[in-house]
PDB file of all heavy atoms in Angstrom:
ATOM      1  N   LEU A   1      23.068  -5.006   5.230  1.00  0.00           N
ATOM      2  CA  LEU A   1      22.335  -3.881   4.633  1.00  0.00           C
ATOM      3  C   LEU A   1      20.856  -4.087   4.616  1.00  0.00           C
ATOM      4  O   LEU A   1      20.135  -3.123   4.420  1.00  0.00           O
ATOM      5  CB  LEU A   1      22.894  -3.577   3.268  1.00  0.00           C
ATOM      6  CG  LEU A   1      24.428  -3.120   3.270  1.00  0.00           C
ATOM      7  CD1 LEU A   1      24.999  -3.055   1.826  1.00  0.00           C
ATOM      8  CD2 LEU A   1      24.567  -1.759   3.942  1.00  0.00           C
ATOM      9  N   ASP A   2      20.465  -5.343   4.627  1.00  0.00           N
ATOM     10  CA  ASP A   2      19.001  -5.575   4.399  1.00  0.00           C
ATOM     11  C   ASP A   2      18.190  -5.000   5.540  1.00  0.00           C
ATOM     12  O   ASP A   2      16.978  -4.729   5.360  1.00  0.00           O
ATOM     13  CB  ASP A   2      18.699  -7.012   4.273  1.00  0.00           C
ATOM     14  CG  ASP A   2      19.064  -7.800   5.537  1.00  0.00           C
ATOM     15  OD1 ASP A   2      20.230  -7.903   5.863  1.00  0.00           O
ATOM     16  OD2 ASP A   2      18.181  -8.450   6.150  1.00  0.00           O
ATOM     17  N   VAL A   3      18.756  -4.803   6.692  1.00  0.00           N
ATOM     18  CA  VAL A   3      17.950  -4.284   7.854  1.00  0.00           C
ATOM     19  C   VAL A   3      17.392  -2.846   7.553  1.00  0.00           C
ATOM     20  O   VAL A   3      16.388  -2.505   8.116  1.00  0.00           O
ATOM     21  CB  VAL A   3      18.722  -4.347   9.142  1.00  0.00           C
ATOM     22  CG1 VAL A   3      19.181  -5.754   9.472  1.00  0.00           C
ATOM     23  CG2 VAL A   3      19.945  -3.403   9.131  1.00  0.00           C
ATOM     24  N   PHE A   4      18.119  -2.126   6.727  1.00  0.00           N
ATOM     25  CA  PHE A   4      17.594  -0.779   6.472  1.00  0.00           C
ATOM     26  C   PHE A   4      16.292  -0.817   5.655  1.00  0.00           C
ATOM     27  O   PHE A   4      15.342  -0.139   5.857  1.00  0.00           O
ATOM     28  CB  PHE A   4      18.630  -0.006   5.657  1.00  0.00           C
ATOM     29  CG  PHE A   4      19.832   0.388   6.385  1.00  0.00           C
ATOM     30  CD1 PHE A   4      20.941  -0.411   6.482  1.00  0.00           C
ATOM     31  CD2 PHE A   4      19.882   1.543   7.199  1.00  0.00           C
ATOM     32  CE1 PHE A   4      22.081  -0.046   7.160  1.00  0.00           C
ATOM     33  CE2 PHE A   4      20.915   1.955   7.945  1.00  0.00           C
ATOM     34  CZ  PHE A   4      22.077   1.131   7.929  1.00  0.00           C
ATOM     35  N   GLY A   5      16.261  -1.836   4.754  1.00  0.00           N
ATOM     36  CA  GLY A   5      14.984  -2.080   4.068  1.00  0.00           C
ATOM     37  C   GLY A   5      13.933  -2.623   4.944  1.00  0.00           C
ATOM     38  O   GLY A   5      12.758  -2.250   4.783  1.00  0.00           O
ATOM     39  N   GLU A   6      14.230  -3.501   5.853  1.00  0.00           N
ATOM     40  CA  GLU A   6      13.244  -3.939   6.820  1.00  0.00           C
ATOM     41  C   GLU A   6      12.672  -2.878   7.684  1.00  0.00           C
ATOM     42  O   GLU A   6      11.430  -2.758   7.917  1.00  0.00           O
ATOM     43  CB  GLU A   6      13.844  -5.067   7.731  1.00  0.00           C
ATOM     44  CG  GLU A   6      14.308  -6.348   7.021  1.00  0.00           C
ATOM     45  CD  GLU A   6      13.105  -7.090   6.529  1.00  0.00           C
ATOM     46  OE1 GLU A   6      11.965  -6.806   6.792  1.00  0.00           O
ATOM     47  OE2 GLU A   6      13.295  -8.165   5.841  1.00  0.00           O
ATOM     48  N   VAL A   7      13.508  -1.920   8.147  1.00  0.00           N
ATOM     49  CA  VAL A   7      13.017  -0.853   8.991  1.00  0.00           C
ATOM     50  C   VAL A   7      12.060   0.049   8.149  1.00  0.00           C
ATOM     51  O   VAL A   7      11.012   0.491   8.566  1.00  0.00           O
ATOM     52  CB  VAL A   7      14.123  -0.050   9.570  1.00  0.00           C
ATOM     53  CG1 VAL A   7      13.708   1.264  10.228  1.00  0.00           C
ATOM     54  CG2 VAL A   7      14.956  -0.860  10.597  1.00  0.00           C
ATOM     55  N   ALA A   8      12.552   0.371   6.929  1.00  0.00           N
ATOM     56  CA  ALA A   8      11.716   1.279   6.063  1.00  0.00           C
ATOM     57  C   ALA A   8      10.408   0.619   5.756  1.00  0.00           C
ATOM     58  O   ALA A   8       9.322   1.271   5.745  1.00  0.00           O
ATOM     59  CB  ALA A   8      12.518   1.556   4.738  1.00  0.00           C
ATOM     60  N   ASP A   9      10.433  -0.672   5.411  1.00  0.00           N
ATOM     61  CA  ASP A   9       9.233  -1.355   5.147  1.00  0.00           C
ATOM     62  C   ASP A   9       8.293  -1.516   6.315  1.00  0.00           C
ATOM     63  O   ASP A   9       7.071  -1.376   6.223  1.00  0.00           O
ATOM     64  CB  ASP A   9       9.500  -2.791   4.581  1.00  0.00           C
ATOM     65  CG  ASP A   9       8.393  -3.248   3.658  1.00  0.00           C
ATOM     66  OD1 ASP A   9       7.577  -2.458   3.223  1.00  0.00           O
ATOM     67  OD2 ASP A   9       8.385  -4.535   3.371  1.00  0.00           O
ATOM     68  N   ALA A  10       8.904  -1.734   7.504  1.00  0.00           N
ATOM     69  CA  ALA A  10       8.036  -1.791   8.728  1.00  0.00           C
ATOM     70  C   ALA A  10       7.279  -0.426   8.923  1.00  0.00           C
ATOM     71  O   ALA A  10       6.100  -0.500   9.259  1.00  0.00           O
ATOM     72  CB  ALA A  10       8.974  -2.121   9.855  1.00  0.00           C
ATOM     73  N   MET A  11       8.013   0.640   8.772  1.00  0.00           N
ATOM     74  CA  MET A  11       7.330   1.942   8.956  1.00  0.00           C
ATOM     75  C   MET A  11       6.265   2.159   7.971  1.00  0.00           C
ATOM     76  O   MET A  11       5.152   2.649   8.231  1.00  0.00           O
ATOM     77  CB  MET A  11       8.434   3.073   8.906  1.00  0.00           C
ATOM     78  CG  MET A  11       9.359   3.004  10.051  1.00  0.00           C
ATOM     79  SD  MET A  11      10.387   4.555  10.167  1.00  0.00           S
ATOM     80  CE  MET A  11      11.478   4.251   8.811  1.00  0.00           C
ATOM     81  N   ALA A  12       6.516   1.753   6.688  1.00  0.00           N
ATOM     82  CA  ALA A  12       5.550   1.920   5.645  1.00  0.00           C
ATOM     83  C   ALA A  12       4.322   1.093   5.851  1.00  0.00           C
ATOM     84  O   ALA A  12       3.151   1.475   5.741  1.00  0.00           O
ATOM     85  CB  ALA A  12       6.192   1.628   4.240  1.00  0.00           C
ATOM     86  N   GLN A  13       4.564  -0.217   6.223  1.00  0.00           N
ATOM     87  CA  GLN A  13       3.426  -1.162   6.328  1.00  0.00           C
ATOM     88  C   GLN A  13       2.624  -0.758   7.692  1.00  0.00           C
ATOM     89  O   GLN A  13       1.420  -1.043   7.776  1.00  0.00           O
ATOM     90  CB  GLN A  13       4.009  -2.583   6.453  1.00  0.00           C
ATOM     91  CG  GLN A  13       4.637  -3.102   5.211  1.00  0.00           C
ATOM     92  CD  GLN A  13       3.718  -3.026   4.031  1.00  0.00           C
ATOM     93  OE1 GLN A  13       2.527  -3.152   4.120  1.00  0.00           O
ATOM     94  NE2 GLN A  13       4.263  -2.904   2.866  1.00  0.00           N
ATOM     95  N   ALA A  14       3.376  -0.181   8.670  1.00  0.00           N
ATOM     96  CA  ALA A  14       2.556   0.268   9.830  1.00  0.00           C
ATOM     97  C   ALA A  14       1.659   1.359   9.494  1.00  0.00           C
ATOM     98  O   ALA A  14       0.382   1.330   9.979  1.00  0.00           O
ATOM     99  CB  ALA A  14       3.596   0.764  10.856  1.00  0.00           C
ATOM    100  N   LEU A  15       1.972   2.288   8.704  1.00  0.00           N
ATOM    101  CA  LEU A  15       1.056   3.308   8.219  1.00  0.00           C
ATOM    102  C   LEU A  15      -0.088   2.745   7.397  1.00  0.00           C
ATOM    103  O   LEU A  15      -1.211   2.996   7.602  1.00  0.00           O
ATOM    104  CB  LEU A  15       1.799   4.354   7.390  1.00  0.00           C
ATOM    105  CG  LEU A  15       2.741   5.313   8.124  1.00  0.00           C
ATOM    106  CD1 LEU A  15       3.521   6.137   7.141  1.00  0.00           C
ATOM    107  CD2 LEU A  15       1.992   6.184   9.061  1.00  0.00           C
ATOM    108  N   LYS A  16       0.276   1.857   6.508  1.00  0.00           N
ATOM    109  CA  LYS A  16      -0.725   1.247   5.687  1.00  0.00           C
ATOM    110  C   LYS A  16      -1.687   0.374   6.464  1.00  0.00           C
ATOM    111  O   LYS A  16      -2.894   0.304   6.059  1.00  0.00           O
ATOM    112  CB  LYS A  16       0.044   0.399   4.595  1.00  0.00           C
ATOM    113  CG  LYS A  16      -0.778  -0.202   3.513  1.00  0.00           C
ATOM    114  CD  LYS A  16       0.104  -0.945   2.475  1.00  0.00           C
ATOM    115  CE  LYS A  16      -0.791  -1.629   1.420  1.00  0.00           C
ATOM    116  NZ  LYS A  16       0.148  -2.300   0.458  1.00  0.00           N
ATOM    117  N   GLY A  17      -1.165  -0.252   7.538  1.00  0.00           N
ATOM    118  CA  GLY A  17      -2.071  -1.153   8.277  1.00  0.00           C
ATOM    119  C   GLY A  17      -2.906  -0.348   9.273  1.00  0.00           C
ATOM    120  O   GLY A  17      -3.739  -1.043   9.957  1.00  0.00           O
ATOM    121  N   GLY A  18      -2.663   0.903   9.433  1.00  0.00           N
ATOM    122  CA  GLY A  18      -3.604   1.671  10.310  1.00  0.00           C
ATOM    123  C   GLY A  18      -2.946   2.296  11.562  1.00  0.00           C
ATOM    124  O   GLY A  18      -3.659   3.006  12.304  1.00  0.00           O
ATOM    125  N   LEU A  19      -1.694   2.058  11.825  1.00  0.00           N
ATOM    126  CA  LEU A  19      -1.041   2.717  12.963  1.00  0.00           C
ATOM    127  C   LEU A  19      -0.865   4.187  12.642  1.00  0.00           C
ATOM    128  O   LEU A  19      -0.548   4.515  11.443  1.00  0.00           O
ATOM    129  CB  LEU A  19       0.267   2.027  13.270  1.00  0.00           C
ATOM    130  CG  LEU A  19       0.287   0.627  13.870  1.00  0.00           C
ATOM    131  CD1 LEU A  19       1.718   0.200  14.195  1.00  0.00           C
ATOM    132  CD2 LEU A  19      -0.523   0.651  15.146  1.00  0.00           C
ATOM    133  N   PRO A  20      -0.883   5.040  13.546  1.00  0.00           N
ATOM    134  CA  PRO A  20      -0.712   6.478  13.323  1.00  0.00           C
ATOM    135  C   PRO A  20       0.755   6.683  12.976  1.00  0.00           C
ATOM    136  O   PRO A  20       1.705   5.946  13.354  1.00  0.00           O
ATOM    137  CB  PRO A  20      -1.081   7.143  14.620  1.00  0.00           C
ATOM    138  CG  PRO A  20      -0.866   6.115  15.694  1.00  0.00           C
ATOM    139  CD  PRO A  20      -1.259   4.837  15.002  1.00  0.00           C
ATOM    140  N   PRO A  21       1.086   7.744  12.197  1.00  0.00           N
ATOM    141  CA  PRO A  21       2.502   8.098  11.836  1.00  0.00           C
ATOM    142  C   PRO A  21       3.345   8.170  13.156  1.00  0.00           C
ATOM    143  O   PRO A  21       2.883   8.779  14.102  1.00  0.00           O
ATOM    144  CB  PRO A  21       2.400   9.403  11.079  1.00  0.00           C
ATOM    145  CG  PRO A  21       0.987   9.411  10.582  1.00  0.00           C
ATOM    146  CD  PRO A  21       0.185   8.773  11.632  1.00  0.00           C
ATOM    147  N   HIS A  22       4.518   7.701  13.073  1.00  0.00           N
ATOM    148  CA  HIS A  22       5.419   7.816  14.277  1.00  0.00           C
ATOM    149  C   HIS A  22       6.133   9.129  14.181  1.00  0.00           C
ATOM    150  O   HIS A  22       6.584   9.520  13.071  1.00  0.00           O
ATOM    151  CB  HIS A  22       6.442   6.725  14.238  1.00  0.00           C
ATOM    152  CG  HIS A  22       7.201   6.545  15.552  1.00  0.00           C
ATOM    153  ND1 HIS A  22       8.187   7.384  15.899  1.00  0.00           N
ATOM    154  CD2 HIS A  22       6.948   5.685  16.588  1.00  0.00           C
ATOM    155  CE1 HIS A  22       8.672   7.087  17.096  1.00  0.00           C
ATOM    156  NE2 HIS A  22       7.900   6.042  17.558  1.00  0.00           N
ATOM    157  N   PRO A  23       6.254   9.916  15.293  1.00  0.00           N
ATOM    158  CA  PRO A  23       6.827  11.220  15.233  1.00  0.00           C
ATOM    159  C   PRO A  23       8.329  11.226  14.763  1.00  0.00           C
ATOM    160  O   PRO A  23       8.805  12.302  14.275  1.00  0.00           O
ATOM    161  CB  PRO A  23       6.663  11.764  16.580  1.00  0.00           C
ATOM    162  CG  PRO A  23       6.415  10.513  17.444  1.00  0.00           C
ATOM    163  CD  PRO A  23       5.742   9.529  16.607  1.00  0.00           C
ATOM    164  N   ARG A  24       8.975  10.078  14.825  1.00  0.00           N
ATOM    165  CA  ARG A  24      10.386  10.103  14.485  1.00  0.00           C
ATOM    166  C   ARG A  24      10.645   9.384  13.081  1.00  0.00           C
ATOM    167  O   ARG A  24      11.786   9.353  12.724  1.00  0.00           O
ATOM    168  CB  ARG A  24      11.222   9.428  15.507  1.00  0.00           C
ATOM    169  CG  ARG A  24      11.189  10.119  16.889  1.00  0.00           C
ATOM    170  CD  ARG A  24      12.140   9.459  17.922  1.00  0.00           C
ATOM    171  NE  ARG A  24      13.457   9.311  17.427  1.00  0.00           N
ATOM    172  CZ  ARG A  24      14.041   8.049  17.253  1.00  0.00           C
ATOM    173  NH1 ARG A  24      13.425   7.000  17.547  1.00  0.00           N
ATOM    174  NH2 ARG A  24      15.299   8.051  16.818  1.00  0.00           N
ATOM    175  N   SER A  25       9.649   8.987  12.406  1.00  0.00           N
ATOM    176  CA  SER A  25       9.795   8.299  11.160  1.00  0.00           C
ATOM    177  C   SER A  25      10.585   9.158  10.137  1.00  0.00           C
ATOM    178  O   SER A  25      11.512   8.730   9.502  1.00  0.00           O
ATOM    179  CB  SER A  25       8.474   7.884  10.552  1.00  0.00           C
ATOM    180  OG  SER A  25       7.818   6.890  11.402  1.00  0.00           O
ATOM    181  N   GLN A  26      10.174  10.325   9.959  1.00  0.00           N
ATOM    182  CA  GLN A  26      10.769  11.227   8.903  1.00  0.00           C
ATOM    183  C   GLN A  26      12.218  11.496   9.296  1.00  0.00           C
ATOM    184  O   GLN A  26      13.152  11.498   8.442  1.00  0.00           O
ATOM    185  CB  GLN A  26       9.982  12.498   8.819  1.00  0.00           C
ATOM    186  CG  GLN A  26      10.548  13.481   7.754  1.00  0.00           C
ATOM    187  CD  GLN A  26      10.715  12.808   6.383  1.00  0.00           C
ATOM    188  OE1 GLN A  26       9.833  12.154   5.922  1.00  0.00           O
ATOM    189  NE2 GLN A  26      11.843  13.091   5.745  1.00  0.00           N
ATOM    190  N   ALA A  27      12.460  11.768  10.635  1.00  0.00           N
ATOM    191  CA  ALA A  27      13.810  12.018  11.142  1.00  0.00           C
ATOM    192  C   ALA A  27      14.753  10.834  10.793  1.00  0.00           C
ATOM    193  O   ALA A  27      15.888  10.964  10.385  1.00  0.00           O
ATOM    194  CB  ALA A  27      13.841  12.316  12.536  1.00  0.00           C
ATOM    195  N   ILE A  28      14.194   9.602  11.016  1.00  0.00           N
ATOM    196  CA  ILE A  28      15.022   8.426  10.746  1.00  0.00           C
ATOM    197  C   ILE A  28      15.342   8.299   9.342  1.00  0.00           C
ATOM    198  O   ILE A  28      16.471   7.981   8.917  1.00  0.00           O
ATOM    199  CB  ILE A  28      14.331   7.172  11.356  1.00  0.00           C
ATOM    200  CG1 ILE A  28      14.360   7.200  12.906  1.00  0.00           C
ATOM    201  CG2 ILE A  28      14.897   5.927  10.766  1.00  0.00           C
ATOM    202  CD1 ILE A  28      13.539   6.112  13.553  1.00  0.00           C
ATOM    203  N   ARG A  29      14.298   8.485   8.459  1.00  0.00           N
ATOM    204  CA  ARG A  29      14.599   8.406   6.977  1.00  0.00           C
ATOM    205  C   ARG A  29      15.662   9.444   6.600  1.00  0.00           C
ATOM    206  O   ARG A  29      16.446   9.131   5.668  1.00  0.00           O
ATOM    207  CB  ARG A  29      13.315   8.594   6.275  1.00  0.00           C
ATOM    208  CG  ARG A  29      12.364   7.367   6.219  1.00  0.00           C
ATOM    209  CD  ARG A  29      11.272   7.489   5.177  1.00  0.00           C
ATOM    210  NE  ARG A  29      10.353   8.551   5.504  1.00  0.00           N
ATOM    211  CZ  ARG A  29       9.232   8.383   6.266  1.00  0.00           C
ATOM    212  NH1 ARG A  29       9.024   7.137   6.705  1.00  0.00           N
ATOM    213  NH2 ARG A  29       8.422   9.358   6.513  1.00  0.00           N
ATOM    214  N   SER A  30      15.595  10.613   7.173  1.00  0.00           N
ATOM    215  CA  SER A  30      16.425  11.682   6.744  1.00  0.00           C
ATOM    216  C   SER A  30      17.920  11.429   7.003  1.00  0.00           C
ATOM    217  O   SER A  30      18.753  12.021   6.351  1.00  0.00           O
ATOM    218  CB  SER A  30      16.049  13.035   7.380  1.00  0.00           C
ATOM    219  OG  SER A  30      16.324  13.010   8.784  1.00  0.00           O
ATOM    220  N   VAL A  31      18.195  10.542   7.951  1.00  0.00           N
ATOM    221  CA  VAL A  31      19.614  10.158   8.224  1.00  0.00           C
ATOM    222  C   VAL A  31      20.002   8.805   7.668  1.00  0.00           C
ATOM    223  O   VAL A  31      21.207   8.624   7.325  1.00  0.00           O
ATOM    224  CB  VAL A  31      19.910  10.195   9.766  1.00  0.00           C
ATOM    225  CG1 VAL A  31      19.730  11.682  10.236  1.00  0.00           C
ATOM    226  CG2 VAL A  31      19.061   9.272  10.572  1.00  0.00           C
ATOM    227  N   THR A  32      19.097   7.895   7.648  1.00  0.00           N
ATOM    228  CA  THR A  32      19.442   6.462   7.202  1.00  0.00           C
ATOM    229  C   THR A  32      19.573   6.462   5.658  1.00  0.00           C
ATOM    230  O   THR A  32      20.440   5.777   5.137  1.00  0.00           O
ATOM    231  CB  THR A  32      18.434   5.444   7.659  1.00  0.00           C
ATOM    232  OG1 THR A  32      17.136   5.810   7.254  1.00  0.00           O
ATOM    233  CG2 THR A  32      18.463   5.398   9.205  1.00  0.00           C
ATOM    234  N   LEU A  33      18.701   7.145   4.942  1.00  0.00           N
ATOM    235  CA  LEU A  33      18.690   7.049   3.512  1.00  0.00           C
ATOM    236  C   LEU A  33      19.969   7.660   2.891  1.00  0.00           C
ATOM    237  O   LEU A  33      20.568   6.988   1.988  1.00  0.00           O
ATOM    238  CB  LEU A  33      17.429   7.620   2.906  1.00  0.00           C
ATOM    239  CG  LEU A  33      16.152   6.798   3.280  1.00  0.00           C
ATOM    240  CD1 LEU A  33      14.947   7.524   2.701  1.00  0.00           C
ATOM    241  CD2 LEU A  33      16.228   5.389   2.664  1.00  0.00           C
ATOM    242  N   PRO A  34      20.415   8.826   3.280  1.00  0.00           N
ATOM    243  CA  PRO A  34      21.697   9.284   2.704  1.00  0.00           C
ATOM    244  C   PRO A  34      22.839   8.308   2.993  1.00  0.00           C
ATOM    245  O   PRO A  34      23.772   8.158   2.194  1.00  0.00           O
ATOM    246  CB  PRO A  34      21.902  10.653   3.433  1.00  0.00           C
ATOM    247  CG  PRO A  34      20.540  11.045   3.757  1.00  0.00           C
ATOM    248  CD  PRO A  34      19.791   9.832   4.107  1.00  0.00           C
ATOM    249  N   PHE A  35      22.877   7.753   4.227  1.00  0.00           N
ATOM    250  CA  PHE A  35      23.914   6.749   4.499  1.00  0.00           C
ATOM    251  C   PHE A  35      23.730   5.608   3.557  1.00  0.00           C
ATOM    252  O   PHE A  35      24.785   5.140   2.963  1.00  0.00           O
ATOM    253  CB  PHE A  35      23.823   6.267   6.001  1.00  0.00           C
ATOM    254  CG  PHE A  35      24.619   5.098   6.242  1.00  0.00           C
ATOM    255  CD1 PHE A  35      26.016   5.186   6.472  1.00  0.00           C
ATOM    256  CD2 PHE A  35      24.012   3.846   6.399  1.00  0.00           C
ATOM    257  CE1 PHE A  35      26.786   4.152   6.783  1.00  0.00           C
ATOM    258  CE2 PHE A  35      24.835   2.677   6.699  1.00  0.00           C
ATOM    259  CZ  PHE A  35      26.206   2.790   6.880  1.00  0.00           C
ATOM    260  N   LEU A  36      22.554   5.017   3.414  1.00  0.00           N
ATOM    261  CA  LEU A  36      22.424   3.887   2.537  1.00  0.00           C
ATOM    262  C   LEU A  36      22.598   4.170   1.076  1.00  0.00           C
ATOM    263  O   LEU A  36      22.997   3.298   0.325  1.00  0.00           O
ATOM    264  CB  LEU A  36      20.990   3.288   2.743  1.00  0.00           C
ATOM    265  CG  LEU A  36      20.645   1.997   2.095  1.00  0.00           C
ATOM    266  CD1 LEU A  36      21.580   0.876   2.586  1.00  0.00           C
ATOM    267  CD2 LEU A  36      19.198   1.594   2.325  1.00  0.00           C
ATOM    268  N   GLU A  37      22.429   5.483   0.665  1.00  0.00           N
ATOM    269  CA  GLU A  37      22.693   5.854  -0.725  1.00  0.00           C
ATOM    270  C   GLU A  37      24.070   5.562  -1.113  1.00  0.00           C
ATOM    271  O   GLU A  37      24.347   5.229  -2.348  1.00  0.00           O
ATOM    272  CB  GLU A  37      22.353   7.292  -0.794  1.00  0.00           C
ATOM    273  CG  GLU A  37      22.360   7.859  -2.232  1.00  0.00           C
ATOM    274  CD  GLU A  37      21.950   9.372  -2.254  1.00  0.00           C
ATOM    275  OE1 GLU A  37      21.945  10.068  -1.199  1.00  0.00           O
ATOM    276  OE2 GLU A  37      21.682   9.834  -3.331  1.00  0.00           O
ATOM    277  N   GLN A  38      25.028   5.597  -0.165  1.00  0.00           N
ATOM    278  CA  GLN A  38      26.457   5.324  -0.419  1.00  0.00           C
ATOM    279  C   GLN A  38      26.762   3.838  -0.096  1.00  0.00           C
ATOM    280  O   GLN A  38      27.497   3.201  -0.806  1.00  0.00           O
ATOM    281  CB  GLN A  38      27.348   6.210   0.315  1.00  0.00           C
ATOM    282  CG  GLN A  38      27.118   7.693   0.144  1.00  0.00           C
ATOM    283  CD  GLN A  38      27.326   8.093  -1.309  1.00  0.00           C
ATOM    284  OE1 GLN A  38      28.316   7.609  -1.944  1.00  0.00           O
ATOM    285  NE2 GLN A  38      26.466   8.977  -1.797  1.00  0.00           N
ATOM    286  N   ALA A  39      26.160   3.349   1.002  1.00  0.00           N
ATOM    287  CA  ALA A  39      26.501   2.031   1.567  1.00  0.00           C
ATOM    288  C   ALA A  39      25.962   0.873   0.736  1.00  0.00           C
ATOM    289  O   ALA A  39      26.535  -0.236   0.759  1.00  0.00           O
ATOM    290  CB  ALA A  39      26.044   1.883   2.986  1.00  0.00           C
ATOM    291  N   TRP A  40      24.942   0.980  -0.076  1.00  0.00           N
ATOM    292  CA  TRP A  40      24.362  -0.087  -0.734  1.00  0.00           C
ATOM    293  C   TRP A  40      25.241  -0.805  -1.708  1.00  0.00           C
ATOM    294  O   TRP A  40      25.075  -1.971  -1.956  1.00  0.00           O
ATOM    295  CB  TRP A  40      23.067   0.273  -1.392  1.00  0.00           C
ATOM    296  CG  TRP A  40      23.094   1.021  -2.720  1.00  0.00           C
ATOM    297  CD1 TRP A  40      23.115   2.416  -2.847  1.00  0.00           C
ATOM    298  CD2 TRP A  40      23.264   0.475  -4.059  1.00  0.00           C
ATOM    299  NE1 TRP A  40      23.233   2.646  -4.206  1.00  0.00           N
ATOM    300  CE2 TRP A  40      23.321   1.502  -4.948  1.00  0.00           C
ATOM    301  CE3 TRP A  40      23.443  -0.819  -4.505  1.00  0.00           C
ATOM    302  CZ2 TRP A  40      23.525   1.323  -6.364  1.00  0.00           C
ATOM    303  CZ3 TRP A  40      23.532  -1.027  -5.878  1.00  0.00           C
ATOM    304  CH2 TRP A  40      23.592   0.072  -6.789  1.00  0.00           C
ATOM    305  N   ARG A  41      26.248  -0.101  -2.223  1.00  0.00           N
ATOM    306  CA  ARG A  41      27.198  -0.724  -3.168  1.00  0.00           C
ATOM    307  C   ARG A  41      28.285  -1.546  -2.459  1.00  0.00           C
ATOM    308  O   ARG A  41      29.070  -2.195  -3.120  1.00  0.00           O
ATOM    309  CB  ARG A  41      27.911   0.402  -3.960  1.00  0.00           C
ATOM    310  CG  ARG A  41      26.921   1.264  -4.739  1.00  0.00           C
ATOM    311  CD  ARG A  41      27.605   2.316  -5.601  1.00  0.00           C
ATOM    312  NE  ARG A  41      26.754   3.168  -6.357  1.00  0.00           N
ATOM    313  CZ  ARG A  41      26.135   2.806  -7.498  1.00  0.00           C
ATOM    314  NH1 ARG A  41      26.475   1.659  -8.070  1.00  0.00           N
ATOM    315  NH2 ARG A  41      25.351   3.634  -8.132  1.00  0.00           N
ATOM    316  N   GLN A  42      28.266  -1.572  -1.153  1.00  0.00           N
ATOM    317  CA  GLN A  42      29.284  -2.331  -0.390  1.00  0.00           C
ATOM    318  C   GLN A  42      28.897  -3.751  -0.258  1.00  0.00           C
ATOM    319  O   GLN A  42      27.639  -4.145  -0.208  1.00  0.00           O
ATOM    320  CB  GLN A  42      29.513  -1.744   0.979  1.00  0.00           C
ATOM    321  CG  GLN A  42      30.010  -0.340   1.086  1.00  0.00           C
ATOM    322  CD  GLN A  42      30.048   0.161   2.563  1.00  0.00           C
ATOM    323  OE1 GLN A  42      30.231  -0.629   3.489  1.00  0.00           O
ATOM    324  NE2 GLN A  42      29.889   1.507   2.693  1.00  0.00           N
ATOM    325  N   PRO A  43      29.819  -4.672  -0.124  1.00  0.00           N
ATOM    326  CA  PRO A  43      29.468  -6.087   0.277  1.00  0.00           C
ATOM    327  C   PRO A  43      29.140  -6.100   1.721  1.00  0.00           C
ATOM    328  O   PRO A  43      29.554  -5.264   2.490  1.00  0.00           O
ATOM    329  CB  PRO A  43      30.774  -6.846  -0.055  1.00  0.00           C
ATOM    330  CG  PRO A  43      31.834  -5.842   0.122  1.00  0.00           C
ATOM    331  CD  PRO A  43      31.262  -4.543  -0.363  1.00  0.00           C
ATOM    332  N   ASP A  44      28.446  -7.162   2.196  1.00  0.00           N
ATOM    333  CA  ASP A  44      28.016  -7.239   3.554  1.00  0.00           C
ATOM    334  C   ASP A  44      28.006  -8.743   3.920  1.00  0.00           C
ATOM    335  O   ASP A  44      28.248  -9.678   3.065  1.00  0.00           O
ATOM    336  CB  ASP A  44      26.739  -6.524   3.836  1.00  0.00           C
ATOM    337  CG  ASP A  44      25.542  -7.256   3.286  1.00  0.00           C
ATOM    338  OD1 ASP A  44      25.662  -8.132   2.326  1.00  0.00           O
ATOM    339  OD2 ASP A  44      24.302  -6.915   3.628  1.00  0.00           O
ATOM    340  N   GLU A  45      27.614  -9.018   5.200  1.00  0.00           N
ATOM    341  CA  GLU A  45      27.503 -10.437   5.634  1.00  0.00           C
ATOM    342  C   GLU A  45      26.171 -11.062   5.330  1.00  0.00           C
ATOM    343  O   GLU A  45      25.941 -12.279   5.476  1.00  0.00           O
ATOM    344  CB  GLU A  45      27.777 -10.535   7.166  1.00  0.00           C
ATOM    345  CG  GLU A  45      29.182 -10.586   7.549  1.00  0.00           C
ATOM    346  CD  GLU A  45      29.837  -9.152   7.743  1.00  0.00           C
ATOM    347  OE1 GLU A  45      29.096  -8.238   7.626  1.00  0.00           O
ATOM    348  OE2 GLU A  45      31.036  -9.122   7.960  1.00  0.00           O
ATOM    349  N   GLY A  46      25.144 -10.236   5.009  1.00  0.00           N
ATOM    350  CA  GLY A  46      23.909 -10.742   4.452  1.00  0.00           C
ATOM    351  C   GLY A  46      22.935 -11.344   5.525  1.00  0.00           C
ATOM    352  O   GLY A  46      23.198 -11.396   6.750  1.00  0.00           O
TER     353      GLY A  46
END
């Protein structure tokens, strides 16, 4: 599950670091976050 946080942080830090917004960032958040909203309570391999 940690990879979802890595992807989100990468997108955020890219903006903060000066890269232009990616055209698919919002679309990715709109599908990954609802999934993670349920999945974060599950155990994983880490």
